Amino acid sequence: MMSRIGRSTLITVGVIALILGGTWVGQGLNLIPGSFMTGSQMWFSIGLIVVIIGVILIVVGLRRPGESSTSK
């Protein structure tokens, strides 16, 4: 059982991770110039992982309390 504050925190951290990871993906793909990360495959990979983590955190934070992944 997760409190409203806990769910809000997960969503907030997830959104921040999504934005940060998206920026790193853009820099890694050479879409956002002006950084040492521009055009680097490593930063694309790190950004992609952070984006995935952000999406997972948002989904977990948005789930209703008591909602389970298995059906009876």
C-alpha atoms as a PDB file:
ATOM      1  CA  MET A   1       0.000   0.000   0.000  1.00  0.00           C
ATOM      2  CA  MET A   2       1.537   3.262  -1.147  1.00  0.00           C
ATOM      3  CA  SER A   3       0.654   6.691   0.237  1.00  0.00           C
ATOM      4  CA  ARG A   4      -0.318   9.635  -1.919  1.00  0.00           C
ATOM      5  CA  ILE A   5       3.036  11.282  -1.159  1.00  0.00           C
ATOM      6  CA  GLY A   6       4.906   8.139  -2.174  1.00  0.00           C
ATOM      7  CA  ARG A   7       2.998   7.915  -5.455  1.00  0.00           C
ATOM      8  CA  SER A   8       3.553  11.624  -6.163  1.00  0.00           C
ATOM      9  CA  THR A   9       7.257  11.208  -5.476  1.00  0.00           C
ATOM     10  CA  LEU A  10       7.511   8.265  -7.877  1.00  0.00           C
ATOM     11  CA  ILE A  11       5.743  10.225 -10.606  1.00  0.00           C
ATOM     12  CA  THR A  12       7.908  13.313 -10.046  1.00  0.00           C
ATOM     13  CA  VAL A  13      11.175  11.357 -10.092  1.00  0.00           C
ATOM     14  CA  GLY A  14       9.924   9.447 -13.146  1.00  0.00           C
ATOM     15  CA  VAL A  15       9.181  12.651 -15.061  1.00  0.00           C
ATOM     16  CA  ILE A  16      12.597  14.084 -14.160  1.00  0.00           C
ATOM     17  CA  ALA A  17      14.280  10.844 -15.292  1.00  0.00           C
ATOM     18  CA  LEU A  18      12.263  10.911 -18.518  1.00  0.00           C
ATOM     19  CA  ILE A  19      13.297  14.484 -19.327  1.00  0.00           C
ATOM     20  CA  LEU A  20      16.938  13.946 -18.361  1.00  0.00           C
ATOM     21  CA  GLY A  21      17.171  10.640 -20.237  1.00  0.00           C
ATOM     22  CA  GLY A  22      15.478  12.161 -23.282  1.00  0.00           C
ATOM     23  CA  THR A  23      18.029  14.963 -23.302  1.00  0.00           C
ATOM     24  CA  TRP A  24      20.878  12.445 -23.128  1.00  0.00           C
ATOM     25  CA  VAL A  25      19.348  10.404 -25.949  1.00  0.00           C
ATOM     26  CA  GLY A  26      19.091  13.568 -28.056  1.00  0.00           C
ATOM     27  CA  GLN A  27      22.707  14.446 -27.364  1.00  0.00           C
ATOM     28  CA  GLY A  28      23.867  10.912 -28.048  1.00  0.00           C
ATOM     29  CA  LEU A  29      22.055  10.954 -31.405  1.00  0.00           C
ATOM     30  CA  ASN A  30      23.679  14.308 -32.249  1.00  0.00           C
ATOM     31  CA  LEU A  31      20.291  16.074 -32.229  1.00  0.00           C
ATOM     32  CA  ILE A  32      21.255  18.449 -29.411  1.00  0.00           C
ATOM     33  CA  PRO A  33      24.694  19.944 -30.103  1.00  0.00           C
ATOM     34  CA  GLY A  34      27.067  21.787 -27.819  1.00  0.00           C
ATOM     35  CA  SER A  35      28.219  19.234 -25.293  1.00  0.00           C
ATOM     36  CA  PHE A  36      30.901  16.617 -24.849  1.00  0.00           C
ATOM     37  CA  MET A  37      28.027  14.104 -24.968  1.00  0.00           C
ATOM     38  CA  THR A  38      27.029  15.106 -28.505  1.00  0.00           C
ATOM     39  CA  GLY A  39      27.291  12.186 -30.908  1.00  0.00           C
ATOM     40  CA  SER A  40      28.379   9.709 -28.221  1.00  0.00           C
ATOM     41  CA  GLN A  41      26.851   6.220 -28.369  1.00  0.00           C
ATOM     42  CA  MET A  42      27.533   5.819 -24.644  1.00  0.00           C
ATOM     43  CA  TRP A  43      25.261   8.754 -23.732  1.00  0.00           C
ATOM     44  CA  PHE A  44      22.564   7.470 -26.073  1.00  0.00           C
ATOM     45  CA  SER A  45      22.630   4.133 -24.228  1.00  0.00           C
ATOM     46  CA  ILE A  46      22.655   5.712 -20.766  1.00  0.00           C
ATOM     47  CA  GLY A  47      19.823   8.042 -21.769  1.00  0.00           C
ATOM     48  CA  LEU A  48      17.745   5.172 -23.103  1.00  0.00           C
ATOM     49  CA  ILE A  49      18.130   3.257 -19.841  1.00  0.00           C
ATOM     50  CA  VAL A  50      17.170   6.346 -17.819  1.00  0.00           C
ATOM     51  CA  VAL A  51      14.108   6.911 -20.041  1.00  0.00           C
ATOM     52  CA  ILE A  52      12.975   3.317 -19.480  1.00  0.00           C
ATOM     53  CA  ILE A  53      13.437   3.671 -15.719  1.00  0.00           C
ATOM     54  CA  GLY A  54      11.487   6.941 -15.796  1.00  0.00           C
ATOM     55  CA  VAL A  55       8.574   5.335 -17.635  1.00  0.00           C
ATOM     56  CA  ILE A  56       8.524   2.440 -15.154  1.00  0.00           C
ATOM     57  CA  LEU A  57       8.474   4.859 -12.193  1.00  0.00           C
ATOM     58  CA  ILE A  58       5.612   6.846 -13.737  1.00  0.00           C
ATOM     59  CA  VAL A  59       3.580   3.715 -14.428  1.00  0.00           C
ATOM     60  CA  VAL A  60       4.119   2.401 -10.889  1.00  0.00           C
ATOM     61  CA  GLY A  61       3.196   5.797  -9.440  1.00  0.00           C
ATOM     62  CA  LEU A  62       0.011   6.012 -11.502  1.00  0.00           C
ATOM     63  CA  ARG A  63      -1.254   2.553 -10.593  1.00  0.00           C
ATOM     64  CA  ARG A  64      -4.225   2.599  -8.270  1.00  0.00           C
ATOM     65  CA  PRO A  65      -3.732   1.222  -4.779  1.00  0.00           C
ATOM     66  CA  GLY A  66      -4.770  -2.404  -4.589  1.00  0.00           C
ATOM     67  CA  GLU A  67      -4.418  -2.935  -8.322  1.00  0.00           C
ATOM     68  CA  SER A  68      -2.550  -6.150  -9.050  1.00  0.00           C
ATOM     69  CA  SER A  69      -1.009  -7.463 -12.230  1.00  0.00           C
ATOM     70  CA  THR A  70      -2.654 -10.887 -11.871  1.00  0.00           C
ATOM     71  CA  SER A  71      -6.329 -11.500 -12.444  1.00  0.00           C
ATOM     72  CA  LYS A  72      -8.377 -13.979 -10.472  1.00  0.00           C
END
